[in-house]
Amino acid sequence: MFECKRCGSCCRNLDKNEIYKDLDRGDGICIYLKENECTIYENRPLLCRIDESYDYFFSQTMTKEEYYKLNKEACKRLRKLEE
């Protein structure tokens, strides 16, 4: 299972990736993020579910380890943008 730090950086930088445009409230922040918590966490979109996204979209093109590494790197870059 992907170890999320629950920092919210991915939810505050949706404007960095076109695939999240439907969740962007217009300023790069997710419409479902309130006080750094996802208000629909149990029912969040597939794209917001790292492990399930791997199974559905990426399992045929890379290993889970490679996928986790890419996600960790992206997370690190997003957190750095907020420093």
PDB file of N, CA and C in Angstrom:
ATOM      1  N   MET A   1       0.848  -1.186   0.000  1.00  0.00           N
ATOM      2  CA  MET A   1       0.000   0.000   0.000  1.00  0.00           C
ATOM      3  C   MET A   1       0.892   1.248   0.000  1.00  0.00           C
ATOM      4  N   PHE A   2       0.518   2.223  -0.805  1.00  0.00           N
ATOM      5  CA  PHE A   2       1.260   3.475  -0.883  1.00  0.00           C
ATOM      6  C   PHE A   2       1.151   4.221   0.440  1.00  0.00           C
ATOM      7  N   GLU A   3       2.298   4.664   0.947  1.00  0.00           N
ATOM      8  CA  GLU A   3       2.316   5.388   2.210  1.00  0.00           C
ATOM      9  C   GLU A   3       2.181   6.883   1.966  1.00  0.00           C
ATOM     10  N   CYS A   4       0.983   7.389   2.171  1.00  0.00           N
ATOM     11  CA  CYS A   4       0.685   8.803   1.983  1.00  0.00           C
ATOM     12  C   CYS A   4       0.966   9.546   3.292  1.00  0.00           C
ATOM     13  N   LYS A   5       1.609  10.715   3.185  1.00  0.00           N
ATOM     14  CA  LYS A   5       1.906  11.531   4.361  1.00  0.00           C
ATOM     15  C   LYS A   5       0.707  12.389   4.766  1.00  0.00           C
ATOM     16  N   ARG A   6      -0.318  12.391   3.931  1.00  0.00           N
ATOM     17  CA  ARG A   6      -1.538  13.162   4.176  1.00  0.00           C
ATOM     18  C   ARG A   6      -1.245  14.647   4.390  1.00  0.00           C
ATOM     19  N   CYS A   7      -0.295  15.144   3.601  1.00  0.00           N
ATOM     20  CA  CYS A   7       0.082  16.552   3.708  1.00  0.00           C
ATOM     21  C   CYS A   7      -0.866  17.465   2.930  1.00  0.00           C
ATOM     22  N   GLY A   8      -1.559  16.902   1.935  1.00  0.00           N
ATOM     23  CA  GLY A   8      -2.499  17.679   1.140  1.00  0.00           C
ATOM     24  C   GLY A   8      -1.874  18.403  -0.047  1.00  0.00           C
ATOM     25  N   SER A   9      -0.569  18.270  -0.240  1.00  0.00           N
ATOM     26  CA  SER A   9       0.082  18.982  -1.350  1.00  0.00           C
ATOM     27  C   SER A   9      -0.507  18.597  -2.703  1.00  0.00           C
ATOM     28  N   CYS A  10      -0.810  17.329  -2.893  1.00  0.00           N
ATOM     29  CA  CYS A  10      -1.387  16.916  -4.180  1.00  0.00           C
ATOM     30  C   CYS A  10      -2.758  17.558  -4.386  1.00  0.00           C
ATOM     31  N   CYS A  11      -3.488  17.750  -3.316  1.00  0.00           N
ATOM     32  CA  CYS A  11      -4.828  18.333  -3.398  1.00  0.00           C
ATOM     33  C   CYS A  11      -4.797  19.854  -3.553  1.00  0.00           C
ATOM     34  N   ARG A  12      -3.649  20.459  -3.272  1.00  0.00           N
ATOM     35  CA  ARG A  12      -3.504  21.911  -3.418  1.00  0.00           C
ATOM     36  C   ARG A  12      -2.763  22.302  -4.690  1.00  0.00           C
ATOM     37  N   ASN A  13      -2.430  21.334  -5.525  1.00  0.00           N
ATOM     38  CA  ASN A  13      -1.684  21.611  -6.757  1.00  0.00           C
ATOM     39  C   ASN A  13      -2.294  20.917  -7.965  1.00  0.00           C
ATOM     40  N   LEU A  14      -3.585  20.868  -8.022  1.00  0.00           N
ATOM     41  CA  LEU A  14      -4.263  20.184  -9.120  1.00  0.00           C
ATOM     42  C   LEU A  14      -4.017  20.839 -10.466  1.00  0.00           C
ATOM     43  N   ASP A  15      -3.709  22.122 -10.447  1.00  0.00           N
ATOM     44  CA  ASP A  15      -3.473  22.835 -11.698  1.00  0.00           C
ATOM     45  C   ASP A  15      -2.175  22.425 -12.385  1.00  0.00           C
ATOM     46  N   LYS A  16      -1.398  21.559 -11.758  1.00  0.00           N
ATOM     47  CA  LYS A  16      -0.146  21.079 -12.356  1.00  0.00           C
ATOM     48  C   LYS A  16      -0.372  19.905 -13.301  1.00  0.00           C
ATOM     49  N   ASN A  17      -1.591  19.374 -13.311  1.00  0.00           N
ATOM     50  CA  ASN A  17      -1.877  18.217 -14.161  1.00  0.00           C
ATOM     51  C   ASN A  17      -3.314  18.304 -14.683  1.00  0.00           C
ATOM     52  N   GLU A  18      -3.448  18.295 -15.967  1.00  0.00           N
ATOM     53  CA  GLU A  18      -4.739  18.440 -16.647  1.00  0.00           C
ATOM     54  C   GLU A  18      -5.773  17.376 -16.242  1.00  0.00           C
ATOM     55  N   ILE A  19      -5.328  16.196 -15.842  1.00  0.00           N
ATOM     56  CA  ILE A  19      -6.289  15.130 -15.544  1.00  0.00           C
ATOM     57  C   ILE A  19      -7.147  15.434 -14.310  1.00  0.00           C
ATOM     58  N   TYR A  20      -6.732  16.412 -13.517  1.00  0.00           N
ATOM     59  CA  TYR A  20      -7.486  16.758 -12.305  1.00  0.00           C
ATOM     60  C   TYR A  20      -8.342  18.008 -12.472  1.00  0.00           C
ATOM     61  N   LYS A  21      -8.469  18.521 -13.699  1.00  0.00           N
ATOM     62  CA  LYS A  21      -9.165  19.798 -13.918  1.00  0.00           C
ATOM     63  C   LYS A  21     -10.600  19.802 -13.394  1.00  0.00           C
ATOM     64  N   ASP A  22     -11.285  18.675 -13.420  1.00  0.00           N
ATOM     65  CA  ASP A  22     -12.670  18.642 -12.941  1.00  0.00           C
ATOM     66  C   ASP A  22     -12.770  18.777 -11.424  1.00  0.00           C
ATOM     67  N   LEU A  23     -11.664  18.558 -10.731  1.00  0.00           N
ATOM     68  CA  LEU A  23     -11.650  18.671  -9.269  1.00  0.00           C
ATOM     69  C   LEU A  23     -11.128  20.030  -8.795  1.00  0.00           C
ATOM     70  N   ASP A  24     -10.548  20.804  -9.711  1.00  0.00           N
ATOM     71  CA  ASP A  24      -9.933  22.092  -9.389  1.00  0.00           C
ATOM     72  C   ASP A  24     -11.016  23.157  -9.214  1.00  0.00           C
ATOM     73  N   ARG A  25     -10.994  23.831  -8.075  1.00  0.00           N
ATOM     74  CA  ARG A  25     -11.996  24.877  -7.824  1.00  0.00           C
ATOM     75  C   ARG A  25     -11.651  26.194  -8.518  1.00  0.00           C
ATOM     76  N   GLY A  26     -10.541  26.189  -9.282  1.00  0.00           N
ATOM     77  CA  GLY A  26     -10.148  27.361 -10.045  1.00  0.00           C
ATOM     78  C   GLY A  26      -8.830  27.966  -9.602  1.00  0.00           C
ATOM     79  N   ASP A  27      -8.343  27.544  -8.455  1.00  0.00           N
ATOM     80  CA  ASP A  27      -7.080  28.070  -7.939  1.00  0.00           C
ATOM     81  C   ASP A  27      -6.053  26.965  -7.684  1.00  0.00           C
ATOM     82  N   GLY A  28      -6.304  25.791  -8.265  1.00  0.00           N
ATOM     83  CA  GLY A  28      -5.398  24.666  -8.090  1.00  0.00           C
ATOM     84  C   GLY A  28      -5.734  23.785  -6.900  1.00  0.00           C
ATOM     85  N   ILE A  29      -6.687  24.203  -6.096  1.00  0.00           N
ATOM     86  CA  ILE A  29      -7.065  23.454  -4.894  1.00  0.00           C
ATOM     87  C   ILE A  29      -8.316  22.628  -5.181  1.00  0.00           C
ATOM     88  N   CYS A  30      -8.321  21.417  -4.668  1.00  0.00           N
ATOM     89  CA  CYS A  30      -9.447  20.512  -4.886  1.00  0.00           C
ATOM     90  C   CYS A  30     -10.724  21.049  -4.241  1.00  0.00           C
ATOM     91  N   ILE A  31     -11.810  20.899  -4.953  1.00  0.00           N
ATOM     92  CA  ILE A  31     -13.108  21.352  -4.442  1.00  0.00           C
ATOM     93  C   ILE A  31     -13.544  20.584  -3.199  1.00  0.00           C
ATOM     94  N   TYR A  32     -12.941  19.439  -2.954  1.00  0.00           N
ATOM     95  CA  TYR A  32     -13.311  18.615  -1.812  1.00  0.00           C
ATOM     96  C   TYR A  32     -12.351  18.742  -0.627  1.00  0.00           C
ATOM     97  N   LEU A  33     -11.349  19.610  -0.738  1.00  0.00           N
ATOM     98  CA  LEU A  33     -10.392  19.782   0.351  1.00  0.00           C
ATOM     99  C   LEU A  33     -10.886  20.867   1.303  1.00  0.00           C
ATOM    100  N   LYS A  34     -11.078  20.511   2.543  1.00  0.00           N
ATOM    101  CA  LYS A  34     -11.507  21.459   3.582  1.00  0.00           C
ATOM    102  C   LYS A  34     -10.621  21.243   4.796  1.00  0.00           C
ATOM    103  N   GLU A  35      -9.946  22.325   5.225  1.00  0.00           N
ATOM    104  CA  GLU A  35      -9.052  22.251   6.382  1.00  0.00           C
ATOM    105  C   GLU A  35      -8.060  21.111   6.261  1.00  0.00           C
ATOM    106  N   ASN A  36      -7.481  20.967   5.081  1.00  0.00           N
ATOM    107  CA  ASN A  36      -6.485  19.954   4.745  1.00  0.00           C
ATOM    108  C   ASN A  36      -6.992  18.513   4.855  1.00  0.00           C
ATOM    109  N   GLU A  37      -8.275  18.324   4.802  1.00  0.00           N
ATOM    110  CA  GLU A  37      -8.881  16.985   4.832  1.00  0.00           C
ATOM    111  C   GLU A  37      -9.786  16.822   3.618  1.00  0.00           C
ATOM    112  N   CYS A  38      -9.776  15.635   3.056  1.00  0.00           N
ATOM    113  CA  CYS A  38     -10.667  15.323   1.943  1.00  0.00           C
ATOM    114  C   CYS A  38     -12.058  15.033   2.497  1.00  0.00           C
ATOM    115  N   THR A  39     -13.030  15.784   2.032  1.00  0.00           N
ATOM    116  CA  THR A  39     -14.392  15.608   2.541  1.00  0.00           C
ATOM    117  C   THR A  39     -15.110  14.407   1.920  1.00  0.00           C
ATOM    118  N   ILE A  40     -14.505  13.813   0.894  1.00  0.00           N
ATOM    119  CA  ILE A  40     -15.106  12.631   0.255  1.00  0.00           C
ATOM    120  C   ILE A  40     -14.118  11.473   0.231  1.00  0.00           C
ATOM    121  N   TYR A  41     -13.235  11.408   1.203  1.00  0.00           N
ATOM    122  CA  TYR A  41     -12.120  10.465   1.176  1.00  0.00           C
ATOM    123  C   TYR A  41     -12.551   9.036   0.848  1.00  0.00           C
ATOM    124  N   GLU A  42     -13.566   8.537   1.486  1.00  0.00           N
ATOM    125  CA  GLU A  42     -14.017   7.157   1.241  1.00  0.00           C
ATOM    126  C   GLU A  42     -14.606   6.964  -0.149  1.00  0.00           C
ATOM    127  N   ASN A  43     -15.019   8.059  -0.779  1.00  0.00           N
ATOM    128  CA  ASN A  43     -15.633   7.989  -2.110  1.00  0.00           C
ATOM    129  C   ASN A  43     -14.883   8.821  -3.140  1.00  0.00           C
ATOM    130  N   ARG A  44     -13.603   9.071  -2.894  1.00  0.00           N
ATOM    131  CA  ARG A  44     -12.823   9.923  -3.793  1.00  0.00           C
ATOM    132  C   ARG A  44     -12.663   9.241  -5.159  1.00  0.00           C
ATOM    133  N   PRO A  45     -12.416  10.042  -6.189  1.00  0.00           N
ATOM    134  CA  PRO A  45     -12.265   9.500  -7.541  1.00  0.00           C
ATOM    135  C   PRO A  45     -11.098   8.511  -7.639  1.00  0.00           C
ATOM    136  N   LEU A  46     -11.183   7.641  -8.604  1.00  0.00           N
ATOM    137  CA  LEU A  46     -10.149   6.638  -8.842  1.00  0.00           C
ATOM    138  C   LEU A  46      -8.767   7.285  -8.995  1.00  0.00           C
ATOM    139  N   LEU A  47      -8.689   8.413  -9.683  1.00  0.00           N
ATOM    140  CA  LEU A  47      -7.409   9.082  -9.886  1.00  0.00           C
ATOM    141  C   LEU A  47      -6.757   9.519  -8.573  1.00  0.00           C
ATOM    142  N   CYS A  48      -7.529   9.628  -7.526  1.00  0.00           N
ATOM    143  CA  CYS A  48      -7.007  10.019  -6.211  1.00  0.00           C
ATOM    144  C   CYS A  48      -6.636   8.811  -5.357  1.00  0.00           C
ATOM    145  N   ARG A  49      -6.848   7.647  -5.867  1.00  0.00           N
ATOM    146  CA  ARG A  49      -6.552   6.404  -5.139  1.00  0.00           C
ATOM    147  C   ARG A  49      -5.318   5.754  -5.764  1.00  0.00           C
ATOM    148  N   ILE A  50      -4.180   5.951  -5.131  1.00  0.00           N
ATOM    149  CA  ILE A  50      -2.903   5.506  -5.709  1.00  0.00           C
ATOM    150  C   ILE A  50      -2.908   4.012  -6.032  1.00  0.00           C
ATOM    151  N   ASP A  51      -3.249   3.188  -5.059  1.00  0.00           N
ATOM    152  CA  ASP A  51      -3.176   1.741  -5.280  1.00  0.00           C
ATOM    153  C   ASP A  51      -4.171   1.258  -6.331  1.00  0.00           C
ATOM    154  N   GLU A  52      -5.375   1.748  -6.283  1.00  0.00           N
ATOM    155  CA  GLU A  52      -6.381   1.325  -7.260  1.00  0.00           C
ATOM    156  C   GLU A  52      -6.064   1.856  -8.655  1.00  0.00           C
ATOM    157  N   SER A  53      -5.476   3.050  -8.725  1.00  0.00           N
ATOM    158  CA  SER A  53      -5.068   3.595 -10.024  1.00  0.00           C
ATOM    159  C   SER A  53      -3.996   2.720 -10.655  1.00  0.00           C
ATOM    160  N   TYR A  54      -3.093   2.239  -9.825  1.00  0.00           N
ATOM    161  CA  TYR A  54      -2.060   1.342 -10.351  1.00  0.00           C
ATOM    162  C   TYR A  54      -2.717   0.114 -10.986  1.00  0.00           C
ATOM    163  N   ASP A  55      -3.612  -0.519 -10.246  1.00  0.00           N
ATOM    164  CA  ASP A  55      -4.265  -1.729 -10.749  1.00  0.00           C
ATOM    165  C   ASP A  55      -5.021  -1.465 -12.050  1.00  0.00           C
ATOM    166  N   TYR A  56      -5.694  -0.346 -12.123  1.00  0.00           N
ATOM    167  CA  TYR A  56      -6.555  -0.051 -13.261  1.00  0.00           C
ATOM    168  C   TYR A  56      -5.791   0.495 -14.477  1.00  0.00           C
ATOM    169  N   PHE A  57      -4.819   1.407 -14.226  1.00  0.00           N
ATOM    170  CA  PHE A  57      -4.167   2.104 -15.331  1.00  0.00           C
ATOM    171  C   PHE A  57      -2.739   1.664 -15.640  1.00  0.00           C
ATOM    172  N   PHE A  58      -1.973   1.256 -14.653  1.00  0.00           N
ATOM    173  CA  PHE A  58      -0.536   1.126 -14.844  1.00  0.00           C
ATOM    174  C   PHE A  58       0.062  -0.259 -14.656  1.00  0.00           C
ATOM    175  N   SER A  59      -0.684  -1.205 -14.188  1.00  0.00           N
ATOM    176  CA  SER A  59      -0.127  -2.520 -13.857  1.00  0.00           C
ATOM    177  C   SER A  59       0.463  -3.249 -15.070  1.00  0.00           C
ATOM    178  N   GLN A  60       0.022  -2.908 -16.251  1.00  0.00           N
ATOM    179  CA  GLN A  60       0.543  -3.548 -17.455  1.00  0.00           C
ATOM    180  C   GLN A  60       1.794  -2.871 -18.003  1.00  0.00           C
ATOM    181  N   THR A  61       2.114  -1.679 -17.474  1.00  0.00           N
ATOM    182  CA  THR A  61       3.232  -0.924 -18.039  1.00  0.00           C
ATOM    183  C   THR A  61       4.423  -0.749 -17.107  1.00  0.00           C
ATOM    184  N   MET A  62       4.244  -1.008 -15.807  1.00  0.00           N
ATOM    185  CA  MET A  62       5.345  -0.868 -14.861  1.00  0.00           C
ATOM    186  C   MET A  62       5.075  -1.679 -13.605  1.00  0.00           C
ATOM    187  N   THR A  63       6.120  -1.893 -12.842  1.00  0.00           N
ATOM    188  CA  THR A  63       5.937  -2.613 -11.582  1.00  0.00           C
ATOM    189  C   THR A  63       5.341  -1.670 -10.545  1.00  0.00           C
ATOM    190  N   LYS A  64       4.775  -2.242  -9.516  1.00  0.00           N
ATOM    191  CA  LYS A  64       4.211  -1.425  -8.450  1.00  0.00           C
ATOM    192  C   LYS A  64       5.316  -0.615  -7.765  1.00  0.00           C
ATOM    193  N   GLU A  65       6.495  -1.183  -7.638  1.00  0.00           N
ATOM    194  CA  GLU A  65       7.620  -0.479  -7.029  1.00  0.00           C
ATOM    195  C   GLU A  65       7.990   0.762  -7.844  1.00  0.00           C
ATOM    196  N   GLU A  66       8.034   0.612  -9.178  1.00  0.00           N
ATOM    197  CA  GLU A  66       8.326   1.760 -10.042  1.00  0.00           C
ATOM    198  C   GLU A  66       7.245   2.827  -9.903  1.00  0.00           C
ATOM    199  N   TYR A  67       6.008   2.394  -9.870  1.00  0.00           N
ATOM    200  CA  TYR A  67       4.867   3.306  -9.740  1.00  0.00           C
ATOM    201  C   TYR A  67       4.929   4.057  -8.412  1.00  0.00           C
ATOM    202  N   TYR A  68       5.195   3.348  -7.330  1.00  0.00           N
ATOM    203  CA  TYR A  68       5.320   3.990  -6.019  1.00  0.00           C
ATOM    204  C   TYR A  68       6.461   5.001  -6.026  1.00  0.00           C
ATOM    205  N   LYS A  69       7.574   4.637  -6.637  1.00  0.00           N
ATOM    206  CA  LYS A  69       8.725   5.536  -6.689  1.00  0.00           C
ATOM    207  C   LYS A  69       8.358   6.824  -7.430  1.00  0.00           C
ATOM    208  N   LEU A  70       7.674   6.699  -8.561  1.00  0.00           N
ATOM    209  CA  LEU A  70       7.249   7.878  -9.316  1.00  0.00           C
ATOM    210  C   LEU A  70       6.295   8.750  -8.499  1.00  0.00           C
ATOM    211  N   ASN A  71       5.376   8.117  -7.784  1.00  0.00           N
ATOM    212  CA  ASN A  71       4.435   8.869  -6.962  1.00  0.00           C
ATOM    213  C   ASN A  71       5.126   9.557  -5.788  1.00  0.00           C
ATOM    214  N   LYS A  72       6.092   8.890  -5.185  1.00  0.00           N
ATOM    215  CA  LYS A  72       6.845   9.506  -4.085  1.00  0.00           C
ATOM    216  C   LYS A  72       7.638  10.705  -4.583  1.00  0.00           C
ATOM    217  N   GLU A  73       8.242  10.581  -5.765  1.00  0.00           N
ATOM    218  CA  GLU A  73       8.995  11.690  -6.350  1.00  0.00           C
ATOM    219  C   GLU A  73       8.077  12.876  -6.654  1.00  0.00           C
ATOM    220  N   ALA A  74       6.901  12.585  -7.206  1.00  0.00           N
ATOM    221  CA  ALA A  74       5.938  13.653  -7.511  1.00  0.00           C
ATOM    222  C   ALA A  74       5.481  14.330  -6.220  1.00  0.00           C
ATOM    223  N   CYS A  75       5.238  13.551  -5.208  1.00  0.00           N
ATOM    224  CA  CYS A  75       4.820  14.090  -3.915  1.00  0.00           C
ATOM    225  C   CYS A  75       5.894  15.018  -3.356  1.00  0.00           C
ATOM    226  N   LYS A  76       7.124  14.573  -3.428  1.00  0.00           N
ATOM    227  CA  LYS A  76       8.247  15.373  -2.928  1.00  0.00           C
ATOM    228  C   LYS A  76       8.352  16.700  -3.679  1.00  0.00           C
ATOM    229  N   ARG A  77       8.197  16.659  -5.006  1.00  0.00           N
ATOM    230  CA  ARG A  77       8.250  17.890  -5.812  1.00  0.00           C
ATOM    231  C   ARG A  77       7.110  18.845  -5.451  1.00  0.00           C
ATOM    232  N   LEU A  78       5.917  18.311  -5.248  1.00  0.00           N
ATOM    233  CA  LEU A  78       4.766  19.165  -4.892  1.00  0.00           C
ATOM    234  C   LEU A  78       4.970  19.809  -3.519  1.00  0.00           C
ATOM    235  N   ARG A  79       5.485  19.057  -2.567  1.00  0.00           N
ATOM    236  CA  ARG A  79       5.749  19.627  -1.238  1.00  0.00           C
ATOM    237  C   ARG A  79       6.801  20.718  -1.315  1.00  0.00           C
ATOM    238  N   LYS A  80       7.805  20.497  -2.163  1.00  0.00           N
ATOM    239  CA  LYS A  80       8.874  21.498  -2.315  1.00  0.00           C
ATOM    240  C   LYS A  80       8.330  22.803  -2.906  1.00  0.00           C
ATOM    241  N   LEU A  81       7.362  22.706  -3.800  1.00  0.00           N
ATOM    242  CA  LEU A  81       6.739  23.906  -4.384  1.00  0.00           C
ATOM    243  C   LEU A  81       6.086  24.786  -3.322  1.00  0.00           C
ATOM    244  N   GLU A  82       5.662  24.159  -2.240  1.00  0.00           N
ATOM    245  CA  GLU A  82       4.931  24.890  -1.196  1.00  0.00           C
ATOM    246  C   GLU A  82       5.832  25.475  -0.110  1.00  0.00           C
ATOM    247  N   GLU A  83       7.132  25.206  -0.208  1.00  0.00           N
ATOM    248  CA  GLU A  83       8.057  25.718   0.819  1.00  0.00           C
ATOM    249  C   GLU A  83       8.232  27.212   0.692  1.00  0.00           C
TER     250      GLU A  83
END
